[in-house]
């Protein structure tokens, strides 16, 4: 299997345009979600874990009382952002509304 390639600046800009609330902080795709309560945030973590296992690509997740911070990068691409990261971010973004996630983190 070929190693994933880092996104070009143009590809990263396109990916970020499709991922509201996400940024390329410190060379990683990142976003913090605000949830209605701790149980909502914890349930969102479990949902994200299932998505990660399905894609075989894993983010760093930080659970707060009413927040979930997500940070993702591809280690096998030299800790750079790849399409794997953008794909995972899109799937997380698609799952967020079911947990009551809002944009105001």
PDB file of N, CA and C in Angstrom:
ATOM      1  N   UNK A   1       0.843  -1.187   0.000  1.00  0.00           N
ATOM      2  CA  UNK A   1       0.000   0.000   0.000  1.00  0.00           C
ATOM      3  C   UNK A   1       0.887   1.249   0.000  1.00  0.00           C
ATOM      4  N   UNK A   2       0.583   2.177  -0.869  1.00  0.00           N
ATOM      5  CA  UNK A   2       1.369   3.402  -0.992  1.00  0.00           C
ATOM      6  C   UNK A   2       1.158   4.295   0.227  1.00  0.00           C
ATOM      7  N   UNK A   3       2.212   4.977   0.593  1.00  0.00           N
ATOM      8  CA  UNK A   3       2.113   5.926   1.699  1.00  0.00           C
ATOM      9  C   UNK A   3       1.230   7.092   1.295  1.00  0.00           C
ATOM     10  N   UNK A   4       0.402   7.578   2.221  1.00  0.00           N
ATOM     11  CA  UNK A   4      -0.412   8.747   1.908  1.00  0.00           C
ATOM     12  C   UNK A   4       0.485   9.971   1.689  1.00  0.00           C
ATOM     13  N   UNK A   5       0.082  10.804   0.764  1.00  0.00           N
ATOM     14  CA  UNK A   5       0.856  12.000   0.437  1.00  0.00           C
ATOM     15  C   UNK A   5       0.237  13.224   1.113  1.00  0.00           C
ATOM     16  N   UNK A   6       1.074  14.136   1.599  1.00  0.00           N
ATOM     17  CA  UNK A   6       0.539  15.371   2.190  1.00  0.00           C
ATOM     18  C   UNK A   6      -0.280  16.144   1.162  1.00  0.00           C
ATOM     19  N   UNK A   7      -1.308  16.814   1.646  1.00  0.00           N
ATOM     20  CA  UNK A   7      -2.102  17.669   0.770  1.00  0.00           C
ATOM     21  C   UNK A   7      -1.277  18.878   0.354  1.00  0.00           C
ATOM     22  N   UNK A   8      -1.476  19.313  -0.872  1.00  0.00           N
ATOM     23  CA  UNK A   8      -0.863  20.568  -1.312  1.00  0.00           C
ATOM     24  C   UNK A   8      -1.606  21.714  -0.619  1.00  0.00           C
ATOM     25  N   UNK A   9      -1.058  22.914  -0.696  1.00  0.00           N
ATOM     26  CA  UNK A   9      -1.731  24.073  -0.103  1.00  0.00           C
ATOM     27  C   UNK A   9      -3.124  24.263  -0.708  1.00  0.00           C
ATOM     28  N   UNK A  10      -3.235  24.067  -2.020  1.00  0.00           N
ATOM     29  CA  UNK A  10      -4.535  24.228  -2.696  1.00  0.00           C
ATOM     30  C   UNK A  10      -5.513  23.152  -2.242  1.00  0.00           C
ATOM     31  N   UNK A  11      -5.048  21.921  -2.125  1.00  0.00           N
ATOM     32  CA  UNK A  11      -5.916  20.836  -1.660  1.00  0.00           C
ATOM     33  C   UNK A  11      -6.353  21.063  -0.220  1.00  0.00           C
ATOM     34  N   UNK A  12      -5.447  21.551   0.610  1.00  0.00           N
ATOM     35  CA  UNK A  12      -5.796  21.844   2.000  1.00  0.00           C
ATOM     36  C   UNK A  12      -6.822  22.965   2.079  1.00  0.00           C
ATOM     37  N   UNK A  13      -6.656  23.998   1.273  1.00  0.00           N
ATOM     38  CA  UNK A  13      -7.630  25.098   1.240  1.00  0.00           C
ATOM     39  C   UNK A  13      -9.009  24.602   0.826  1.00  0.00           C
ATOM     40  N   UNK A  14      -9.046  23.724  -0.164  1.00  0.00           N
ATOM     41  CA  UNK A  14     -10.314  23.150  -0.612  1.00  0.00           C
ATOM     42  C   UNK A  14     -10.946  22.317   0.494  1.00  0.00           C
ATOM     43  N   UNK A  15     -10.142  21.493   1.156  1.00  0.00           N
ATOM     44  CA  UNK A  15     -10.649  20.655   2.245  1.00  0.00           C
ATOM     45  C   UNK A  15     -11.208  21.520   3.363  1.00  0.00           C
ATOM     46  N   UNK A  16     -10.497  22.564   3.754  1.00  0.00           N
ATOM     47  CA  UNK A  16     -10.958  23.431   4.833  1.00  0.00           C
ATOM     48  C   UNK A  16     -12.239  24.176   4.455  1.00  0.00           C
ATOM     49  N   UNK A  17     -12.390  24.513   3.179  1.00  0.00           N
ATOM     50  CA  UNK A  17     -13.616  25.181   2.725  1.00  0.00           C
ATOM     51  C   UNK A  17     -14.828  24.278   2.897  1.00  0.00           C
ATOM     52  N   UNK A  18     -14.601  22.958   2.867  1.00  0.00           N
ATOM     53  CA  UNK A  18     -15.686  21.979   3.028  1.00  0.00           C
ATOM     54  C   UNK A  18     -15.877  21.556   4.478  1.00  0.00           C
ATOM     55  N   UNK A  19     -15.054  22.096   5.380  1.00  0.00           N
ATOM     56  CA  UNK A  19     -15.081  21.690   6.793  1.00  0.00           C
ATOM     57  C   UNK A  19     -15.244  22.918   7.680  1.00  0.00           C
ATOM     58  N   UNK A  20     -16.476  23.428   7.807  1.00  0.00           N
ATOM     59  CA  UNK A  20     -16.687  24.631   8.616  1.00  0.00           C
ATOM     60  C   UNK A  20     -16.252  24.397  10.066  1.00  0.00           C
ATOM     61  N   UNK A  21     -15.538  25.376  10.599  1.00  0.00           N
ATOM     62  CA  UNK A  21     -15.098  25.280  11.985  1.00  0.00           C
ATOM     63  C   UNK A  21     -13.764  24.582  12.168  1.00  0.00           C
ATOM     64  N   UNK A  22     -13.263  23.937  11.135  1.00  0.00           N
ATOM     65  CA  UNK A  22     -11.976  23.244  11.207  1.00  0.00           C
ATOM     66  C   UNK A  22     -10.868  24.202  10.787  1.00  0.00           C
ATOM     67  N   UNK A  23      -9.669  23.962  11.311  1.00  0.00           N
ATOM     68  CA  UNK A  23      -8.507  24.759  10.936  1.00  0.00           C
ATOM     69  C   UNK A  23      -7.301  23.837  10.795  1.00  0.00           C
ATOM     70  N   UNK A  24      -6.241  24.391  10.240  1.00  0.00           N
ATOM     71  CA  UNK A  24      -4.995  23.647  10.102  1.00  0.00           C
ATOM     72  C   UNK A  24      -4.015  24.174  11.150  1.00  0.00           C
ATOM     73  N   UNK A  25      -4.357  24.011  12.414  1.00  0.00           N
ATOM     74  CA  UNK A  25      -3.541  24.492  13.525  1.00  0.00           C
ATOM     75  C   UNK A  25      -2.310  23.627  13.731  1.00  0.00           C
ATOM     76  N   UNK A  26      -1.136  24.242  13.691  1.00  0.00           N
ATOM     77  CA  UNK A  26       0.094  23.519  13.966  1.00  0.00           C
ATOM     78  C   UNK A  26       0.325  22.330  13.064  1.00  0.00           C
ATOM     79  N   UNK A  27      -0.142  22.420  11.823  1.00  0.00           N
ATOM     80  CA  UNK A  27       0.066  21.326  10.882  1.00  0.00           C
ATOM     81  C   UNK A  27      -0.870  20.148  11.087  1.00  0.00           C
ATOM     82  N   UNK A  28      -1.951  20.360  11.825  1.00  0.00           N
ATOM     83  CA  UNK A  28      -2.946  19.313  12.078  1.00  0.00           C
ATOM     84  C   UNK A  28      -4.323  19.883  11.749  1.00  0.00           C
ATOM     85  N   UNK A  29      -5.236  19.033  11.297  1.00  0.00           N
ATOM     86  CA  UNK A  29      -6.636  19.456  11.193  1.00  0.00           C
ATOM     87  C   UNK A  29      -7.210  19.426  12.598  1.00  0.00           C
ATOM     88  N   UNK A  30      -7.888  20.487  12.983  1.00  0.00           N
ATOM     89  CA  UNK A  30      -8.383  20.576  14.353  1.00  0.00           C
ATOM     90  C   UNK A  30      -9.719  21.301  14.419  1.00  0.00           C
ATOM     91  N   UNK A  31     -10.499  20.887  15.409  1.00  0.00           N
ATOM     92  CA  UNK A  31     -11.779  21.543  15.675  1.00  0.00           C
ATOM     93  C   UNK A  31     -12.209  21.207  17.096  1.00  0.00           C
ATOM     94  N   UNK A  32     -12.868  22.146  17.742  1.00  0.00           N
ATOM     95  CA  UNK A  32     -13.486  21.898  19.043  1.00  0.00           C
ATOM     96  C   UNK A  32     -14.987  22.069  18.888  1.00  0.00           C
ATOM     97  N   UNK A  33     -15.720  21.065  19.319  1.00  0.00           N
ATOM     98  CA  UNK A  33     -17.184  21.097  19.282  1.00  0.00           C
ATOM     99  C   UNK A  33     -17.712  21.407  20.677  1.00  0.00           C
ATOM    100  N   UNK A  34     -18.795  22.171  20.745  1.00  0.00           N
ATOM    101  CA  UNK A  34     -19.521  22.389  21.991  1.00  0.00           C
ATOM    102  C   UNK A  34     -20.770  21.515  21.931  1.00  0.00           C
ATOM    103  N   UNK A  35     -21.014  20.782  23.018  1.00  0.00           N
ATOM    104  CA  UNK A  35     -22.147  19.862  23.099  1.00  0.00           C
ATOM    105  C   UNK A  35     -23.100  20.317  24.209  1.00  0.00           C
ATOM    106  N   UNK A  36     -24.356  19.856  24.184  1.00  0.00           N
ATOM    107  CA  UNK A  36     -25.333  20.275  25.197  1.00  0.00           C
ATOM    108  C   UNK A  36     -24.972  19.847  26.626  1.00  0.00           C
ATOM    109  N   UNK A  37     -24.221  18.788  26.778  1.00  0.00           N
ATOM    110  CA  UNK A  37     -23.857  18.310  28.111  1.00  0.00           C
ATOM    111  C   UNK A  37     -22.774  17.260  28.021  1.00  0.00           C
ATOM    112  N   UNK A  38     -22.299  16.829  29.182  1.00  0.00           N
ATOM    113  CA  UNK A  38     -21.199  15.874  29.224  1.00  0.00           C
ATOM    114  C   UNK A  38     -21.565  14.532  28.576  1.00  0.00           C
ATOM    115  N   UNK A  39     -22.772  14.047  28.834  1.00  0.00           N
ATOM    116  CA  UNK A  39     -23.174  12.767  28.221  1.00  0.00           C
ATOM    117  C   UNK A  39     -23.207  12.858  26.707  1.00  0.00           C
ATOM    118  N   UNK A  40     -23.648  13.995  26.186  1.00  0.00           N
ATOM    119  CA  UNK A  40     -23.644  14.190  24.730  1.00  0.00           C
ATOM    120  C   UNK A  40     -22.215  14.140  24.197  1.00  0.00           C
ATOM    121  N   UNK A  41     -21.311  14.813  24.905  1.00  0.00           N
ATOM    122  CA  UNK A  41     -19.907  14.832  24.483  1.00  0.00           C
ATOM    123  C   UNK A  41     -19.307  13.429  24.537  1.00  0.00           C
ATOM    124  N   UNK A  42     -19.601  12.686  25.612  1.00  0.00           N
ATOM    125  CA  UNK A  42     -19.065  11.327  25.754  1.00  0.00           C
ATOM    126  C   UNK A  42     -19.632  10.411  24.667  1.00  0.00           C
ATOM    127  N   UNK A  43     -20.910  10.555  24.371  1.00  0.00           N
ATOM    128  CA  UNK A  43     -21.514   9.748  23.310  1.00  0.00           C
ATOM    129  C   UNK A  43     -20.889  10.072  21.956  1.00  0.00           C
ATOM    130  N   UNK A  44     -20.566  11.337  21.749  1.00  0.00           N
ATOM    131  CA  UNK A  44     -19.916  11.746  20.509  1.00  0.00           C
ATOM    132  C   UNK A  44     -18.534  11.091  20.404  1.00  0.00           C
ATOM    133  N   UNK A  45     -17.801  11.008  21.511  1.00  0.00           N
ATOM    134  CA  UNK A  45     -16.497  10.335  21.509  1.00  0.00           C
ATOM    135  C   UNK A  45     -16.645   8.889  21.042  1.00  0.00           C
ATOM    136  N   UNK A  46     -17.655   8.190  21.561  1.00  0.00           N
ATOM    137  CA  UNK A  46     -17.873   6.789  21.185  1.00  0.00           C
ATOM    138  C   UNK A  46     -18.187   6.685  19.699  1.00  0.00           C
ATOM    139  N   UNK A  47     -19.001   7.607  19.186  1.00  0.00           N
ATOM    140  CA  UNK A  47     -19.345   7.610  17.767  1.00  0.00           C
ATOM    141  C   UNK A  47     -18.089   7.851  16.919  1.00  0.00           C
ATOM    142  N   UNK A  48     -17.279   8.831  17.330  1.00  0.00           N
ATOM    143  CA  UNK A  48     -16.040   9.127  16.597  1.00  0.00           C
ATOM    144  C   UNK A  48     -15.110   7.918  16.635  1.00  0.00           C
ATOM    145  N   UNK A  49     -15.034   7.235  17.760  1.00  0.00           N
ATOM    146  CA  UNK A  49     -14.182   6.045  17.865  1.00  0.00           C
ATOM    147  C   UNK A  49     -14.602   4.983  16.850  1.00  0.00           C
ATOM    148  N   UNK A  50     -15.896   4.811  16.667  1.00  0.00           N
ATOM    149  CA  UNK A  50     -16.387   3.830  15.687  1.00  0.00           C
ATOM    150  C   UNK A  50     -16.011   4.242  14.264  1.00  0.00           C
ATOM    151  N   UNK A  51     -16.136   5.533  13.977  1.00  0.00           N
ATOM    152  CA  UNK A  51     -15.754   6.028  12.647  1.00  0.00           C
ATOM    153  C   UNK A  51     -14.261   5.805  12.419  1.00  0.00           C
ATOM    154  N   UNK A  52     -13.465   6.107  13.422  1.00  0.00           N
ATOM    155  CA  UNK A  52     -12.014   5.940  13.308  1.00  0.00           C
ATOM    156  C   UNK A  52     -11.656   4.486  13.039  1.00  0.00           C
ATOM    157  N   UNK A  53     -12.281   3.577  13.759  1.00  0.00           N
ATOM    158  CA  UNK A  53     -11.999   2.163  13.531  1.00  0.00           C
ATOM    159  C   UNK A  53     -12.407   1.735  12.130  1.00  0.00           C
ATOM    160  N   UNK A  54     -13.547   2.238  11.675  1.00  0.00           N
ATOM    161  CA  UNK A  54     -14.005   1.906  10.321  1.00  0.00           C
ATOM    162  C   UNK A  54     -13.010   2.385   9.268  1.00  0.00           C
ATOM    163  N   UNK A  55     -12.457   3.579   9.446  1.00  0.00           N
ATOM    164  CA  UNK A  55     -11.516   4.152   8.477  1.00  0.00           C
ATOM    165  C   UNK A  55     -10.076   3.720   8.734  1.00  0.00           C
ATOM    166  N   UNK A  56      -9.837   3.081   9.871  1.00  0.00           N
ATOM    167  CA  UNK A  56      -8.487   2.701  10.293  1.00  0.00           C
ATOM    168  C   UNK A  56      -7.557   3.915  10.291  1.00  0.00           C
ATOM    169  N   UNK A  57      -8.062   5.015  10.826  1.00  0.00           N
ATOM    170  CA  UNK A  57      -7.310   6.264  10.949  1.00  0.00           C
ATOM    171  C   UNK A  57      -7.823   6.956  12.197  1.00  0.00           C
ATOM    172  N   UNK A  58      -6.932   7.379  13.069  1.00  0.00           N
ATOM    173  CA  UNK A  58      -7.347   7.817  14.399  1.00  0.00           C
ATOM    174  C   UNK A  58      -6.860   9.216  14.721  1.00  0.00           C
ATOM    175  N   UNK A  59      -7.732   9.975  15.349  1.00  0.00           N
ATOM    176  CA  UNK A  59      -7.449  11.335  15.776  1.00  0.00           C
ATOM    177  C   UNK A  59      -7.133  11.344  17.271  1.00  0.00           C
ATOM    178  N   UNK A  60      -6.614  12.472  17.725  1.00  0.00           N
ATOM    179  CA  UNK A  60      -6.496  12.707  19.151  1.00  0.00           C
ATOM    180  C   UNK A  60      -7.784  13.393  19.583  1.00  0.00           C
ATOM    181  N   UNK A  61      -8.415  12.842  20.604  1.00  0.00           N
ATOM    182  CA  UNK A  61      -9.674  13.370  21.107  1.00  0.00           C
ATOM    183  C   UNK A  61      -9.474  13.830  22.544  1.00  0.00           C
ATOM    184  N   UNK A  62      -9.987  15.024  22.849  1.00  0.00           N
ATOM    185  CA  UNK A  62      -9.929  15.538  24.212  1.00  0.00           C
ATOM    186  C   UNK A  62     -11.348  15.851  24.652  1.00  0.00           C
ATOM    187  N   UNK A  63     -11.817  15.083  25.621  1.00  0.00           N
ATOM    188  CA  UNK A  63     -13.173  15.227  26.135  1.00  0.00           C
ATOM    189  C   UNK A  63     -13.179  16.221  27.285  1.00  0.00           C
ATOM    190  N   UNK A  64     -14.030  17.222  27.162  1.00  0.00           N
ATOM    191  CA  UNK A  64     -14.255  18.176  28.237  1.00  0.00           C
ATOM    192  C   UNK A  64     -15.659  18.003  28.775  1.00  0.00           C
ATOM    193  N   UNK A  65     -16.037  18.849  29.710  1.00  0.00           N
ATOM    194  CA  UNK A  65     -17.364  18.725  30.311  1.00  0.00           C
ATOM    195  C   UNK A  65     -18.464  18.833  29.256  1.00  0.00           C
ATOM    196  N   UNK A  66     -18.376  19.813  28.389  1.00  0.00           N
ATOM    197  CA  UNK A  66     -19.354  19.990  27.312  1.00  0.00           C
ATOM    198  C   UNK A  66     -18.672  20.207  25.973  1.00  0.00           C
ATOM    199  N   UNK A  67     -17.455  19.701  25.830  1.00  0.00           N
ATOM    200  CA  UNK A  67     -16.713  19.912  24.592  1.00  0.00           C
ATOM    201  C   UNK A  67     -16.005  18.635  24.152  1.00  0.00           C
ATOM    202  N   UNK A  68     -15.715  18.590  22.878  1.00  0.00           N
ATOM    203  CA  UNK A  68     -14.853  17.557  22.322  1.00  0.00           C
ATOM    204  C   UNK A  68     -13.899  18.248  21.358  1.00  0.00           C
ATOM    205  N   UNK A  69     -12.608  18.169  21.657  1.00  0.00           N
ATOM    206  CA  UNK A  69     -11.578  18.708  20.766  1.00  0.00           C
ATOM    207  C   UNK A  69     -11.018  17.554  19.944  1.00  0.00           C
ATOM    208  N   UNK A  70     -10.904  17.775  18.646  1.00  0.00           N
ATOM    209  CA  UNK A  70     -10.417  16.763  17.716  1.00  0.00           C
ATOM    210  C   UNK A  70      -9.194  17.327  16.998  1.00  0.00           C
ATOM    211  N   UNK A  71      -8.151  16.521  16.916  1.00  0.00           N
ATOM    212  CA  UNK A  71      -6.934  16.909  16.212  1.00  0.00           C
ATOM    213  C   UNK A  71      -6.438  15.691  15.449  1.00  0.00           C
ATOM    214  N   UNK A  72      -6.161  15.868  14.161  1.00  0.00           N
ATOM    215  CA  UNK A  72      -5.783  14.718  13.338  1.00  0.00           C
ATOM    216  C   UNK A  72      -4.663  15.083  12.369  1.00  0.00           C
ATOM    217  N   UNK A  73      -3.731  14.143  12.216  1.00  0.00           N
ATOM    218  CA  UNK A  73      -2.605  14.271  11.307  1.00  0.00           C
ATOM    219  C   UNK A  73      -2.184  12.860  10.910  1.00  0.00           C
ATOM    220  N   UNK A  74      -1.520  12.726   9.789  1.00  0.00           N
ATOM    221  CA  UNK A  74      -1.066  11.408   9.334  1.00  0.00           C
ATOM    222  C   UNK A  74       0.414  11.241   9.672  1.00  0.00           C
ATOM    223  N   UNK A  75       0.690  10.385  10.630  1.00  0.00           N
ATOM    224  CA  UNK A  75       2.072  10.174  11.069  1.00  0.00           C
ATOM    225  C   UNK A  75       2.934   9.564   9.966  1.00  0.00           C
ATOM    226  N   UNK A  76       2.352   8.646   9.186  1.00  0.00           N
ATOM    227  CA  UNK A  76       3.129   7.970   8.139  1.00  0.00           C
ATOM    228  C   UNK A  76       3.460   8.892   6.966  1.00  0.00           C
ATOM    229  N   UNK A  77       2.914  10.115   6.976  1.00  0.00           N
ATOM    230  CA  UNK A  77       3.231  11.112   5.947  1.00  0.00           C
ATOM    231  C   UNK A  77       4.114  12.214   6.548  1.00  0.00           C
ATOM    232  N   UNK A  78       4.840  11.860   7.576  1.00  0.00           N
ATOM    233  CA  UNK A  78       5.731  12.838   8.199  1.00  0.00           C
ATOM    234  C   UNK A  78       4.996  13.851   9.048  1.00  0.00           C
ATOM    235  N   UNK A  79       3.914  13.402   9.705  1.00  0.00           N
ATOM    236  CA  UNK A  79       3.080  14.288  10.533  1.00  0.00           C
ATOM    237  C   UNK A  79       2.546  15.467   9.733  1.00  0.00           C
ATOM    238  N   UNK A  80       2.043  15.143   8.555  1.00  0.00           N
ATOM    239  CA  UNK A  80       1.441  16.143   7.676  1.00  0.00           C
ATOM    240  C   UNK A  80      -0.024  15.793   7.466  1.00  0.00           C
ATOM    241  N   UNK A  81      -0.791  16.750   6.969  1.00  0.00           N
ATOM    242  CA  UNK A  81      -2.213  16.557   6.698  1.00  0.00           C
ATOM    243  C   UNK A  81      -2.367  15.897   5.332  1.00  0.00           C
ATOM    244  N   UNK A  82      -3.146  14.805   5.301  1.00  0.00           N
ATOM    245  CA  UNK A  82      -3.398  14.068   4.066  1.00  0.00           C
ATOM    246  C   UNK A  82      -4.901  13.953   3.835  1.00  0.00           C
ATOM    247  N   UNK A  83      -5.252  13.327   2.719  1.00  0.00           N
ATOM    248  CA  UNK A  83      -6.663  13.071   2.428  1.00  0.00           C
ATOM    249  C   UNK A  83      -7.292  12.175   3.497  1.00  0.00           C
ATOM    250  N   UNK A  84      -6.506  11.308   4.119  1.00  0.00           N
ATOM    251  CA  UNK A  84      -7.038  10.480   5.215  1.00  0.00           C
ATOM    252  C   UNK A  84      -7.583  11.358   6.333  1.00  0.00           C
ATOM    253  N   UNK A  85      -6.874  12.418   6.658  1.00  0.00           N
ATOM    254  CA  UNK A  85      -7.309  13.328   7.713  1.00  0.00           C
ATOM    255  C   UNK A  85      -8.570  14.084   7.311  1.00  0.00           C
ATOM    256  N   UNK A  86      -8.586  14.570   6.069  1.00  0.00           N
ATOM    257  CA  UNK A  86      -9.765  15.288   5.583  1.00  0.00           C
ATOM    258  C   UNK A  86     -10.987  14.372   5.551  1.00  0.00           C
ATOM    259  N   UNK A  87     -10.794  13.117   5.131  1.00  0.00           N
ATOM    260  CA  UNK A  87     -11.899  12.152   5.095  1.00  0.00           C
ATOM    261  C   UNK A  87     -12.438  11.899   6.502  1.00  0.00           C
ATOM    262  N   UNK A  88     -11.553  11.711   7.472  1.00  0.00           N
ATOM    263  CA  UNK A  88     -11.986  11.499   8.851  1.00  0.00           C
ATOM    264  C   UNK A  88     -12.708  12.737   9.374  1.00  0.00           C
ATOM    265  N   UNK A  89     -12.174  13.911   9.105  1.00  0.00           N
ATOM    266  CA  UNK A  89     -12.815  15.148   9.560  1.00  0.00           C
ATOM    267  C   UNK A  89     -14.213  15.290   8.967  1.00  0.00           C
ATOM    268  N   UNK A  90     -14.369  14.962   7.680  1.00  0.00           N
ATOM    269  CA  UNK A  90     -15.704  15.047   7.052  1.00  0.00           C
ATOM    270  C   UNK A  90     -16.685  14.095   7.718  1.00  0.00           C
ATOM    271  N   UNK A  91     -16.231  12.894   8.020  1.00  0.00           N
ATOM    272  CA  UNK A  91     -17.117  11.917   8.669  1.00  0.00           C
ATOM    273  C   UNK A  91     -17.495  12.375  10.079  1.00  0.00           C
ATOM    274  N   UNK A  92     -16.549  12.942  10.810  1.00  0.00           N
ATOM    275  CA  UNK A  92     -16.847  13.465  12.146  1.00  0.00           C
ATOM    276  C   UNK A  92     -17.835  14.617  12.035  1.00  0.00           C
ATOM    277  N   UNK A  93     -17.599  15.485  11.079  1.00  0.00           N
ATOM    278  CA  UNK A  93     -18.492  16.626  10.856  1.00  0.00           C
ATOM    279  C   UNK A  93     -19.911  16.160  10.533  1.00  0.00           C
ATOM    280  N   UNK A  94     -20.035  15.114   9.742  1.00  0.00           N
ATOM    281  CA  UNK A  94     -21.350  14.571   9.404  1.00  0.00           C
ATOM    282  C   UNK A  94     -22.057  13.988  10.627  1.00  0.00           C
ATOM    283  N   UNK A  95     -21.294  13.443  11.572  1.00  0.00           N
ATOM    284  CA  UNK A  95     -21.874  12.824  12.764  1.00  0.00           C
ATOM    285  C   UNK A  95     -22.241  13.843  13.843  1.00  0.00           C
ATOM    286  N   UNK A  96     -21.619  14.993  13.821  1.00  0.00           N
ATOM    287  CA  UNK A  96     -21.763  15.979  14.900  1.00  0.00           C
ATOM    288  C   UNK A  96     -23.199  16.416  15.185  1.00  0.00           C
ATOM    289  N   UNK A  97     -24.024  16.713  14.182  1.00  0.00           N
ATOM    290  CA  UNK A  97     -25.377  17.189  14.478  1.00  0.00           C
ATOM    291  C   UNK A  97     -26.222  16.202  15.297  1.00  0.00           C
ATOM    292  N   UNK A  98     -26.002  14.921  15.115  1.00  0.00           N
ATOM    293  CA  UNK A  98     -26.769  13.913  15.853  1.00  0.00           C
ATOM    294  C   UNK A  98     -26.499  13.984  17.359  1.00  0.00           C
ATOM    295  N   UNK A  99     -25.412  14.642  17.735  1.00  0.00           N
ATOM    296  CA  UNK A  99     -25.046  14.743  19.149  1.00  0.00           C
ATOM    297  C   UNK A  99     -25.307  16.148  19.690  1.00  0.00           C
ATOM    298  N   UNK A 100     -25.926  16.993  18.878  1.00  0.00           N
ATOM    299  CA  UNK A 100     -26.250  18.363  19.312  1.00  0.00           C
ATOM    300  C   UNK A 100     -25.057  19.288  19.290  1.00  0.00           C
ATOM    301  N   UNK A 101     -24.025  18.948  18.532  1.00  0.00           N
ATOM    302  CA  UNK A 101     -22.822  19.782  18.476  1.00  0.00           C
ATOM    303  C   UNK A 101     -23.145  21.125  17.827  1.00  0.00           C
ATOM    304  N   UNK A 102     -22.516  22.167  18.365  1.00  0.00           N
ATOM    305  CA  UNK A 102     -22.701  23.504  17.809  1.00  0.00           C
ATOM    306  C   UNK A 102     -21.348  24.077  17.405  1.00  0.00           C
ATOM    307  N   UNK A 103     -21.423  25.164  16.633  1.00  0.00           N
ATOM    308  CA  UNK A 103     -20.208  25.787  16.112  1.00  0.00           C
ATOM    309  C   UNK A 103     -19.502  26.660  17.129  1.00  0.00           C
ATOM    310  N   UNK A 104     -20.189  27.073  18.165  1.00  0.00           N
ATOM    311  CA  UNK A 104     -19.603  28.022  19.120  1.00  0.00           C
ATOM    312  C   UNK A 104     -18.892  27.307  20.267  1.00  0.00           C
ATOM    313  N   UNK A 105     -17.667  26.854  19.990  1.00  0.00           N
ATOM    314  CA  UNK A 105     -16.902  26.094  20.990  1.00  0.00           C
ATOM    315  C   UNK A 105     -16.270  26.995  22.022  1.00  0.00           C
TER     316      UNK A 105
END
